[in-house]
């Protein structure tokens, strides 16, 4: 008689390429107005942060590392918004 027993329970998905997509993720990808609203909000918030940083520089204040960080953060917000609107996930063809 063998002492080792093997479990027959199926393994849980680890989140790889074959993992099932959640229902909310599918809804977000198919909802054009949801992507436009959330992506547009990110682009506009990036514009607001950029405008605040430029306002300090326009008044003759020194360009500090904080101002540079604000402008960089604004660019990241705007880029994130553009990515959400464009939705490039799954559109690229895999090379085989």
PDB file of N, CA and C in Angstrom:
ATOM      1  N   UNK A   1       0.836  -1.177   0.000  1.00  0.00           N
ATOM      2  CA  UNK A   1       0.000   0.000   0.000  1.00  0.00           C
ATOM      3  C   UNK A   1       0.880   1.238   0.000  1.00  0.00           C
ATOM      4  N   UNK A   2       0.525   2.209  -0.808  1.00  0.00           N
ATOM      5  CA  UNK A   2       1.319   3.423  -0.947  1.00  0.00           C
ATOM      6  C   UNK A   2       0.887   4.463   0.074  1.00  0.00           C
ATOM      7  N   UNK A   3       1.870   5.159   0.648  1.00  0.00           N
ATOM      8  CA  UNK A   3       1.566   6.198   1.640  1.00  0.00           C
ATOM      9  C   UNK A   3       1.283   7.545   0.998  1.00  0.00           C
ATOM     10  N   UNK A   4       1.691   7.740  -0.219  1.00  0.00           N
ATOM     11  CA  UNK A   4       1.486   9.039  -0.853  1.00  0.00           C
ATOM     12  C   UNK A   4       0.131   9.075  -1.559  1.00  0.00           C
ATOM     13  N   UNK A   5      -0.590  10.131  -1.333  1.00  0.00           N
ATOM     14  CA  UNK A   5      -1.873  10.313  -2.007  1.00  0.00           C
ATOM     15  C   UNK A   5      -1.820  11.607  -2.788  1.00  0.00           C
ATOM     16  N   UNK A   6      -2.418  11.593  -3.938  1.00  0.00           N
ATOM     17  CA  UNK A   6      -2.411  12.770  -4.800  1.00  0.00           C
ATOM     18  C   UNK A   6      -3.797  13.396  -4.767  1.00  0.00           C
ATOM     19  N   UNK A   7      -3.839  14.682  -4.723  1.00  0.00           N
ATOM     20  CA  UNK A   7      -5.107  15.397  -4.752  1.00  0.00           C
ATOM     21  C   UNK A   7      -5.616  15.465  -6.183  1.00  0.00           C
ATOM     22  N   UNK A   8      -6.905  15.288  -6.365  1.00  0.00           N
ATOM     23  CA  UNK A   8      -7.483  15.353  -7.704  1.00  0.00           C
ATOM     24  C   UNK A   8      -8.187  16.676  -7.948  1.00  0.00           C
ATOM     25  N   UNK A   9      -8.022  17.638  -7.034  1.00  0.00           N
ATOM     26  CA  UNK A   9      -8.658  18.944  -7.205  1.00  0.00           C
ATOM     27  C   UNK A   9      -7.966  19.705  -8.327  1.00  0.00           C
ATOM     28  N   UNK A  10      -8.720  20.383  -9.185  1.00  0.00           N
ATOM     29  CA  UNK A  10      -8.103  21.159 -10.266  1.00  0.00           C
ATOM     30  C   UNK A  10      -7.337  22.347  -9.697  1.00  0.00           C
ATOM     31  N   UNK A  11      -6.271  22.713 -10.422  1.00  0.00           N
ATOM     32  CA  UNK A  11      -5.464  23.843  -9.986  1.00  0.00           C
ATOM     33  C   UNK A  11      -6.169  25.155 -10.322  1.00  0.00           C
ATOM     34  N   UNK A  12      -6.008  26.132  -9.452  1.00  0.00           N
ATOM     35  CA  UNK A  12      -6.591  27.457  -9.678  1.00  0.00           C
ATOM     36  C   UNK A  12      -5.753  28.191 -10.714  1.00  0.00           C
ATOM     37  N   UNK A  13      -6.365  29.017 -11.564  1.00  0.00           N
ATOM     38  CA  UNK A  13      -5.592  29.784 -12.546  1.00  0.00           C
ATOM     39  C   UNK A  13      -4.668  30.760 -11.838  1.00  0.00           C
ATOM     40  N   UNK A  14      -3.480  30.916 -12.398  1.00  0.00           N
ATOM     41  CA  UNK A  14      -2.463  31.767 -11.784  1.00  0.00           C
ATOM     42  C   UNK A  14      -2.432  33.164 -12.367  1.00  0.00           C
ATOM     43  N   UNK A  15      -3.317  33.488 -13.267  1.00  0.00           N
ATOM     44  CA  UNK A  15      -3.356  34.840 -13.817  1.00  0.00           C
ATOM     45  C   UNK A  15      -2.533  35.012 -15.080  1.00  0.00           C
ATOM     46  N   UNK A  16      -2.207  33.917 -15.747  1.00  0.00           N
ATOM     47  CA  UNK A  16      -1.423  33.979 -16.969  1.00  0.00           C
ATOM     48  C   UNK A  16      -2.267  34.418 -18.151  1.00  0.00           C
ATOM     49  N   UNK A  17      -1.776  34.132 -19.334  1.00  0.00           N
ATOM     50  CA  UNK A  17      -2.472  34.543 -20.549  1.00  0.00           C
ATOM     51  C   UNK A  17      -3.776  33.776 -20.750  1.00  0.00           C
ATOM     52  N   UNK A  18      -3.862  32.561 -20.169  1.00  0.00           N
ATOM     53  CA  UNK A  18      -5.053  31.746 -20.335  1.00  0.00           C
ATOM     54  C   UNK A  18      -6.085  31.971 -19.233  1.00  0.00           C
ATOM     55  N   UNK A  19      -5.827  32.907 -18.329  1.00  0.00           N
ATOM     56  CA  UNK A  19      -6.740  33.148 -17.209  1.00  0.00           C
ATOM     57  C   UNK A  19      -8.032  33.778 -17.723  1.00  0.00           C
ATOM     58  N   UNK A  20      -9.160  33.412 -17.137  1.00  0.00           N
ATOM     59  CA  UNK A  20     -10.427  34.015 -17.574  1.00  0.00           C
ATOM     60  C   UNK A  20     -10.486  35.491 -17.197  1.00  0.00           C
ATOM     61  N   UNK A  21     -11.141  36.262 -18.036  1.00  0.00           N
ATOM     62  CA  UNK A  21     -11.266  37.700 -17.822  1.00  0.00           C
ATOM     63  C   UNK A  21     -12.500  37.955 -16.963  1.00  0.00           C
ATOM     64  N   UNK A  22     -12.382  38.855 -15.984  1.00  0.00           N
ATOM     65  CA  UNK A  22     -13.508  39.124 -15.102  1.00  0.00           C
ATOM     66  C   UNK A  22     -14.634  39.819 -15.857  1.00  0.00           C
ATOM     67  N   UNK A  23     -15.833  39.739 -15.301  1.00  0.00           N
ATOM     68  CA  UNK A  23     -17.008  40.325 -15.944  1.00  0.00           C
ATOM     69  C   UNK A  23     -16.910  41.850 -15.998  1.00  0.00           C
ATOM     70  N   UNK A  24     -16.369  42.471 -14.934  1.00  0.00           N
ATOM     71  CA  UNK A  24     -16.245  43.929 -14.949  1.00  0.00           C
ATOM     72  C   UNK A  24     -15.216  44.387 -15.979  1.00  0.00           C
ATOM     73  N   UNK A  25     -14.181  43.597 -16.176  1.00  0.00           N
ATOM     74  CA  UNK A  25     -13.184  43.944 -17.181  1.00  0.00           C
ATOM     75  C   UNK A  25     -13.780  43.851 -18.583  1.00  0.00           C
ATOM     76  N   UNK A  26     -14.593  42.831 -18.825  1.00  0.00           N
ATOM     77  CA  UNK A  26     -15.251  42.706 -20.124  1.00  0.00           C
ATOM     78  C   UNK A  26     -16.220  43.850 -20.360  1.00  0.00           C
ATOM     79  N   UNK A  27     -16.945  44.252 -19.315  1.00  0.00           N
ATOM     80  CA  UNK A  27     -17.905  45.345 -19.435  1.00  0.00           C
ATOM     81  C   UNK A  27     -17.190  46.655 -19.753  1.00  0.00           C
ATOM     82  N   UNK A  28     -16.055  46.897 -19.096  1.00  0.00           N
ATOM     83  CA  UNK A  28     -15.311  48.133 -19.313  1.00  0.00           C
ATOM     84  C   UNK A  28     -14.753  48.195 -20.730  1.00  0.00           C
ATOM     85  N   UNK A  29     -14.299  47.057 -21.254  1.00  0.00           N
ATOM     86  CA  UNK A  29     -13.744  47.037 -22.607  1.00  0.00           C
ATOM     87  C   UNK A  29     -14.810  47.255 -23.666  1.00  0.00           C
ATOM     88  N   UNK A  30     -16.043  46.813 -23.398  1.00  0.00           N
ATOM     89  CA  UNK A  30     -17.101  46.937 -24.376  1.00  0.00           C
ATOM     90  C   UNK A  30     -17.883  48.228 -24.258  1.00  0.00           C
ATOM     91  N   UNK A  31     -17.675  48.990 -23.223  1.00  0.00           N
ATOM     92  CA  UNK A  31     -18.454  50.192 -22.972  1.00  0.00           C
ATOM     93  C   UNK A  31     -17.663  51.419 -23.436  1.00  0.00           C
ATOM     94  N   UNK A  32     -17.971  51.907 -24.627  1.00  0.00           N
ATOM     95  CA  UNK A  32     -17.246  53.041 -25.205  1.00  0.00           C
ATOM     96  C   UNK A  32     -17.407  54.293 -24.357  1.00  0.00           C
ATOM     97  N   UNK A  33     -18.620  54.560 -23.889  1.00  0.00           N
ATOM     98  CA  UNK A  33     -18.847  55.772 -23.099  1.00  0.00           C
ATOM     99  C   UNK A  33     -18.106  55.707 -21.769  1.00  0.00           C
ATOM    100  N   UNK A  34     -17.975  54.526 -21.183  1.00  0.00           N
ATOM    101  CA  UNK A  34     -17.221  54.387 -19.928  1.00  0.00           C
ATOM    102  C   UNK A  34     -15.749  54.731 -20.150  1.00  0.00           C
ATOM    103  N   UNK A  35     -15.205  54.247 -21.265  1.00  0.00           N
ATOM    104  CA  UNK A  35     -13.799  54.539 -21.562  1.00  0.00           C
ATOM    105  C   UNK A  35     -13.597  56.014 -21.859  1.00  0.00           C
ATOM    106  N   UNK A  36     -14.531  56.646 -22.566  1.00  0.00           N
ATOM    107  CA  UNK A  36     -14.393  58.065 -22.896  1.00  0.00           C
ATOM    108  C   UNK A  36     -14.489  58.925 -21.636  1.00  0.00           C
ATOM    109  N   UNK A  37     -15.431  58.598 -20.762  1.00  0.00           N
ATOM    110  CA  UNK A  37     -15.592  59.392 -19.540  1.00  0.00           C
ATOM    111  C   UNK A  37     -14.380  59.251 -18.628  1.00  0.00           C
ATOM    112  N   UNK A  38     -13.941  58.010 -18.374  1.00  0.00           N
ATOM    113  CA  UNK A  38     -12.812  57.835 -17.462  1.00  0.00           C
ATOM    114  C   UNK A  38     -11.503  58.311 -18.087  1.00  0.00           C
ATOM    115  N   UNK A  39     -11.288  58.033 -19.358  1.00  0.00           N
ATOM    116  CA  UNK A  39     -10.072  58.501 -20.024  1.00  0.00           C
ATOM    117  C   UNK A  39     -10.049  60.013 -20.165  1.00  0.00           C
ATOM    118  N   UNK A  40     -11.208  60.592 -20.494  1.00  0.00           N
ATOM    119  CA  UNK A  40     -11.290  62.055 -20.594  1.00  0.00           C
ATOM    120  C   UNK A  40     -11.069  62.723 -19.250  1.00  0.00           C
ATOM    121  N   UNK A  41     -11.570  62.099 -18.177  1.00  0.00           N
ATOM    122  CA  UNK A  41     -11.332  62.633 -16.840  1.00  0.00           C
ATOM    123  C   UNK A  41      -9.859  62.628 -16.481  1.00  0.00           C
ATOM    124  N   UNK A  42      -9.148  61.571 -16.862  1.00  0.00           N
ATOM    125  CA  UNK A  42      -7.711  61.525 -16.594  1.00  0.00           C
ATOM    126  C   UNK A  42      -6.951  62.559 -17.421  1.00  0.00           C
ATOM    127  N   UNK A  43      -7.336  62.722 -18.679  1.00  0.00           N
ATOM    128  CA  UNK A  43      -6.670  63.730 -19.522  1.00  0.00           C
ATOM    129  C   UNK A  43      -6.921  65.130 -18.964  1.00  0.00           C
ATOM    130  N   UNK A  44      -8.155  65.411 -18.567  1.00  0.00           N
ATOM    131  CA  UNK A  44      -8.464  66.732 -18.005  1.00  0.00           C
ATOM    132  C   UNK A  44      -7.774  66.960 -16.661  1.00  0.00           C
ATOM    133  N   UNK A  45      -7.650  65.915 -15.844  1.00  0.00           N
ATOM    134  CA  UNK A  45      -6.926  66.090 -14.584  1.00  0.00           C
ATOM    135  C   UNK A  45      -5.447  66.318 -14.839  1.00  0.00           C
ATOM    136  N   UNK A  46      -4.895  65.692 -15.863  1.00  0.00           N
ATOM    137  CA  UNK A  46      -3.516  65.973 -16.252  1.00  0.00           C
ATOM    138  C   UNK A  46      -3.342  67.410 -16.710  1.00  0.00           C
ATOM    139  N   UNK A  47      -4.332  67.918 -17.460  1.00  0.00           N
ATOM    140  CA  UNK A  47      -4.276  69.316 -17.903  1.00  0.00           C
ATOM    141  C   UNK A  47      -4.364  70.270 -16.712  1.00  0.00           C
ATOM    142  N   UNK A  48      -5.180  69.929 -15.713  1.00  0.00           N
ATOM    143  CA  UNK A  48      -5.310  70.766 -14.521  1.00  0.00           C
ATOM    144  C   UNK A  48      -4.003  70.808 -13.730  1.00  0.00           C
ATOM    145  N   UNK A  49      -3.368  69.661 -13.537  1.00  0.00           N
ATOM    146  CA  UNK A  49      -2.095  69.614 -12.809  1.00  0.00           C
ATOM    147  C   UNK A  49      -1.021  70.378 -13.585  1.00  0.00           C
ATOM    148  N   UNK A  50      -1.002  70.220 -14.910  1.00  0.00           N
ATOM    149  CA  UNK A  50      -0.027  70.943 -15.731  1.00  0.00           C
ATOM    150  C   UNK A  50      -0.252  72.449 -15.637  1.00  0.00           C
ATOM    151  N   UNK A  51      -1.513  72.870 -15.680  1.00  0.00           N
ATOM    152  CA  UNK A  51      -1.832  74.299 -15.595  1.00  0.00           C
ATOM    153  C   UNK A  51      -1.396  74.882 -14.244  1.00  0.00           C
ATOM    154  N   UNK A  52      -1.569  74.121 -13.174  1.00  0.00           N
ATOM    155  CA  UNK A  52      -1.141  74.584 -11.852  1.00  0.00           C
ATOM    156  C   UNK A  52       0.377  74.735 -11.793  1.00  0.00           C
ATOM    157  N   UNK A  53       1.105  73.801 -12.384  1.00  0.00           N
ATOM    158  CA  UNK A  53       2.570  73.895 -12.393  1.00  0.00           C
ATOM    159  C   UNK A  53       3.033  75.066 -13.258  1.00  0.00           C
ATOM    160  N   UNK A  54       2.370  75.272 -14.390  1.00  0.00           N
ATOM    161  CA  UNK A  54       2.747  76.394 -15.262  1.00  0.00           C
ATOM    162  C   UNK A  54       2.414  77.728 -14.617  1.00  0.00           C
ATOM    163  N   UNK A  55       1.370  77.763 -13.797  1.00  0.00           N
ATOM    164  CA  UNK A  55       1.000  79.004 -13.114  1.00  0.00           C
ATOM    165  C   UNK A  55       2.098  79.492 -12.185  1.00  0.00           C
ATOM    166  N   UNK A  56       2.741  78.565 -11.501  1.00  0.00           N
ATOM    167  CA  UNK A  56       3.858  78.937 -10.622  1.00  0.00           C
ATOM    168  C   UNK A  56       5.014  79.478 -11.447  1.00  0.00           C
ATOM    169  N   UNK A  57       5.310  78.842 -12.561  1.00  0.00           N
ATOM    170  CA  UNK A  57       6.419  79.295 -13.406  1.00  0.00           C
ATOM    171  C   UNK A  57       6.082  80.621 -14.084  1.00  0.00           C
ATOM    172  N   UNK A  58       4.826  80.834 -14.432  1.00  0.00           N
ATOM    173  CA  UNK A  58       4.414  82.065 -15.102  1.00  0.00           C
ATOM    174  C   UNK A  58       4.546  83.276 -14.188  1.00  0.00           C
ATOM    175  N   UNK A  59       4.358  83.054 -12.884  1.00  0.00           N
ATOM    176  CA  UNK A  59       4.489  84.154 -11.930  1.00  0.00           C
ATOM    177  C   UNK A  59       5.939  84.492 -11.620  1.00  0.00           C
ATOM    178  N   UNK A  60       6.851  83.813 -12.231  1.00  0.00           N
ATOM    179  CA  UNK A  60       8.264  84.115 -12.041  1.00  0.00           C
ATOM    180  C   UNK A  60       8.917  83.300 -10.952  1.00  0.00           C
ATOM    181  N   UNK A  61       8.236  82.294 -10.475  1.00  0.00           N
ATOM    182  CA  UNK A  61       8.809  81.434  -9.448  1.00  0.00           C
ATOM    183  C   UNK A  61       9.888  80.546 -10.033  1.00  0.00           C
ATOM    184  N   UNK A  62      10.778  80.094  -9.180  1.00  0.00           N
ATOM    185  CA  UNK A  62      11.860  79.234  -9.675  1.00  0.00           C
ATOM    186  C   UNK A  62      11.321  77.855 -10.080  1.00  0.00           C
ATOM    187  N   UNK A  63      11.977  77.279 -11.046  1.00  0.00           N
ATOM    188  CA  UNK A  63      11.607  75.941 -11.479  1.00  0.00           C
ATOM    189  C   UNK A  63      12.288  74.947 -10.546  1.00  0.00           C
ATOM    190  N   UNK A  64      11.527  74.425  -9.614  1.00  0.00           N
ATOM    191  CA  UNK A  64      12.088  73.500  -8.633  1.00  0.00           C
ATOM    192  C   UNK A  64      11.816  72.063  -9.056  1.00  0.00           C
ATOM    193  N   UNK A  65      12.326  71.125  -8.277  1.00  0.00           N
ATOM    194  CA  UNK A  65      12.074  69.711  -8.554  1.00  0.00           C
ATOM    195  C   UNK A  65      10.594  69.384  -8.375  1.00  0.00           C
ATOM    196  N   UNK A  66       9.918  70.112  -7.483  1.00  0.00           N
ATOM    197  CA  UNK A  66       8.484  69.901  -7.298  1.00  0.00           C
ATOM    198  C   UNK A  66       7.689  70.262  -8.539  1.00  0.00           C
ATOM    199  N   UNK A  67       8.076  71.364  -9.184  1.00  0.00           N
ATOM    200  CA  UNK A  67       7.397  71.783 -10.411  1.00  0.00           C
ATOM    201  C   UNK A  67       7.644  70.772 -11.531  1.00  0.00           C
ATOM    202  N   UNK A  68       8.869  70.302 -11.619  1.00  0.00           N
ATOM    203  CA  UNK A  68       9.191  69.287 -12.633  1.00  0.00           C
ATOM    204  C   UNK A  68       8.409  68.003 -12.359  1.00  0.00           C
ATOM    205  N   UNK A  69       8.293  67.636 -11.086  1.00  0.00           N
ATOM    206  CA  UNK A  69       7.527  66.439 -10.727  1.00  0.00           C
ATOM    207  C   UNK A  69       6.056  66.617 -11.079  1.00  0.00           C
ATOM    208  N   UNK A  70       5.513  67.820 -10.873  1.00  0.00           N
ATOM    209  CA  UNK A  70       4.114  68.076 -11.231  1.00  0.00           C
ATOM    210  C   UNK A  70       3.894  67.943 -12.727  1.00  0.00           C
ATOM    211  N   UNK A  71       4.790  68.496 -13.513  1.00  0.00           N
ATOM    212  CA  UNK A  71       4.648  68.416 -14.969  1.00  0.00           C
ATOM    213  C   UNK A  71       4.778  66.967 -15.438  1.00  0.00           C
ATOM    214  N   UNK A  72       5.703  66.219 -14.848  1.00  0.00           N
ATOM    215  CA  UNK A  72       5.858  64.804 -15.199  1.00  0.00           C
ATOM    216  C   UNK A  72       4.613  64.009 -14.823  1.00  0.00           C
ATOM    217  N   UNK A  73       4.072  64.275 -13.639  1.00  0.00           N
ATOM    218  CA  UNK A  73       2.854  63.595 -13.200  1.00  0.00           C
ATOM    219  C   UNK A  73       1.677  63.939 -14.109  1.00  0.00           C
ATOM    220  N   UNK A  74       1.608  65.198 -14.536  1.00  0.00           N
ATOM    221  CA  UNK A  74       0.538  65.612 -15.447  1.00  0.00           C
ATOM    222  C   UNK A  74       0.638  64.867 -16.773  1.00  0.00           C
ATOM    223  N   UNK A  75       1.856  64.710 -17.283  1.00  0.00           N
ATOM    224  CA  UNK A  75       2.045  63.978 -18.534  1.00  0.00           C
ATOM    225  C   UNK A  75       1.649  62.513 -18.373  1.00  0.00           C
ATOM    226  N   UNK A  76       1.961  61.938 -17.219  1.00  0.00           N
ATOM    227  CA  UNK A  76       1.594  60.538 -16.967  1.00  0.00           C
ATOM    228  C   UNK A  76       0.078  60.379 -16.883  1.00  0.00           C
ATOM    229  N   UNK A  77      -0.604  61.311 -16.222  1.00  0.00           N
ATOM    230  CA  UNK A  77      -2.064  61.247 -16.144  1.00  0.00           C
ATOM    231  C   UNK A  77      -2.695  61.330 -17.534  1.00  0.00           C
ATOM    232  N   UNK A  78      -2.207  62.256 -18.332  1.00  0.00           N
ATOM    233  CA  UNK A  78      -2.763  62.420 -19.679  1.00  0.00           C
ATOM    234  C   UNK A  78      -2.496  61.188 -20.533  1.00  0.00           C
ATOM    235  N   UNK A  79      -1.294  60.621 -20.424  1.00  0.00           N
ATOM    236  CA  UNK A  79      -0.972  59.421 -21.200  1.00  0.00           C
ATOM    237  C   UNK A  79      -1.834  58.242 -20.774  1.00  0.00           C
ATOM    238  N   UNK A  80      -2.074  58.113 -19.479  1.00  0.00           N
ATOM    239  CA  UNK A  80      -2.923  57.040 -18.971  1.00  0.00           C
ATOM    240  C   UNK A  80      -4.349  57.187 -19.513  1.00  0.00           C
ATOM    241  N   UNK A  81      -4.841  58.418 -19.563  1.00  0.00           N
ATOM    242  CA  UNK A  81      -6.162  58.662 -20.116  1.00  0.00           C
ATOM    243  C   UNK A  81      -6.253  58.302 -21.583  1.00  0.00           C
ATOM    244  N   UNK A  82      -5.218  58.628 -22.341  1.00  0.00           N
ATOM    245  CA  UNK A  82      -5.199  58.302 -23.770  1.00  0.00           C
ATOM    246  C   UNK A  82      -5.175  56.791 -23.979  1.00  0.00           C
ATOM    247  N   UNK A  83      -4.419  56.089 -23.130  1.00  0.00           N
ATOM    248  CA  UNK A  83      -4.362  54.634 -23.236  1.00  0.00           C
ATOM    249  C   UNK A  83      -5.731  54.024 -22.943  1.00  0.00           C
ATOM    250  N   UNK A  84      -6.431  54.551 -21.949  1.00  0.00           N
ATOM    251  CA  UNK A  84      -7.763  54.011 -21.634  1.00  0.00           C
ATOM    252  C   UNK A  84      -8.728  54.271 -22.789  1.00  0.00           C
ATOM    253  N   UNK A  85      -8.660  55.430 -23.393  1.00  0.00           N
ATOM    254  CA  UNK A  85      -9.551  55.732 -24.516  1.00  0.00           C
ATOM    255  C   UNK A  85      -9.204  54.861 -25.725  1.00  0.00           C
ATOM    256  N   UNK A  86      -7.913  54.708 -26.022  1.00  0.00           N
ATOM    257  CA  UNK A  86      -7.485  53.944 -27.198  1.00  0.00           C
ATOM    258  C   UNK A  86      -7.694  52.442 -27.009  1.00  0.00           C
ATOM    259  N   UNK A  87      -7.608  51.934 -25.786  1.00  0.00           N
ATOM    260  CA  UNK A  87      -7.803  50.523 -25.446  1.00  0.00           C
ATOM    261  C   UNK A  87      -6.969  49.601 -26.325  1.00  0.00           C
ATOM    262  N   UNK A  88      -5.621  49.659 -26.201  1.00  0.00           N
ATOM    263  CA  UNK A  88      -4.795  48.828 -27.071  1.00  0.00           C
ATOM    264  C   UNK A  88      -4.676  47.371 -26.623  1.00  0.00           C
ATOM    265  N   UNK A  89      -5.233  46.995 -25.475  1.00  0.00           N
ATOM    266  CA  UNK A  89      -5.088  45.633 -24.961  1.00  0.00           C
ATOM    267  C   UNK A  89      -5.807  44.664 -25.889  1.00  0.00           C
ATOM    268  N   UNK A  90      -5.068  43.662 -26.323  1.00  0.00           N
ATOM    269  CA  UNK A  90      -5.662  42.629 -27.158  1.00  0.00           C
ATOM    270  C   UNK A  90      -5.705  42.968 -28.634  1.00  0.00           C
ATOM    271  N   UNK A  91      -5.274  44.155 -29.034  1.00  0.00           N
ATOM    272  CA  UNK A  91      -5.336  44.519 -30.457  1.00  0.00           C
ATOM    273  C   UNK A  91      -4.045  44.155 -31.200  1.00  0.00           C
ATOM    274  N   UNK A  92      -2.957  43.955 -30.467  1.00  0.00           N
ATOM    275  CA  UNK A  92      -1.689  43.606 -31.105  1.00  0.00           C
ATOM    276  C   UNK A  92      -1.706  42.133 -31.514  1.00  0.00           C
ATOM    277  N   UNK A  93      -1.118  41.822 -32.655  1.00  0.00           N
ATOM    278  CA  UNK A  93      -1.043  40.437 -33.123  1.00  0.00           C
ATOM    279  C   UNK A  93       0.230  39.805 -32.570  1.00  0.00           C
ATOM    280  N   UNK A  94       0.085  38.610 -32.022  1.00  0.00           N
ATOM    281  CA  UNK A  94       1.229  37.901 -31.464  1.00  0.00           C
ATOM    282  C   UNK A  94       2.042  37.282 -32.601  1.00  0.00           C
ATOM    283  N   UNK A  95       3.374  37.437 -32.530  1.00  0.00           N
ATOM    284  CA  UNK A  95       4.247  36.840 -33.533  1.00  0.00           C
ATOM    285  C   UNK A  95       4.485  35.385 -33.179  1.00  0.00           C
ATOM    286  N   UNK A  96       4.389  34.520 -34.184  1.00  0.00           N
ATOM    287  CA  UNK A  96       4.629  33.094 -33.922  1.00  0.00           C
ATOM    288  C   UNK A  96       5.759  32.574 -34.741  1.00  0.00           C
TER     289      UNK A  96
END
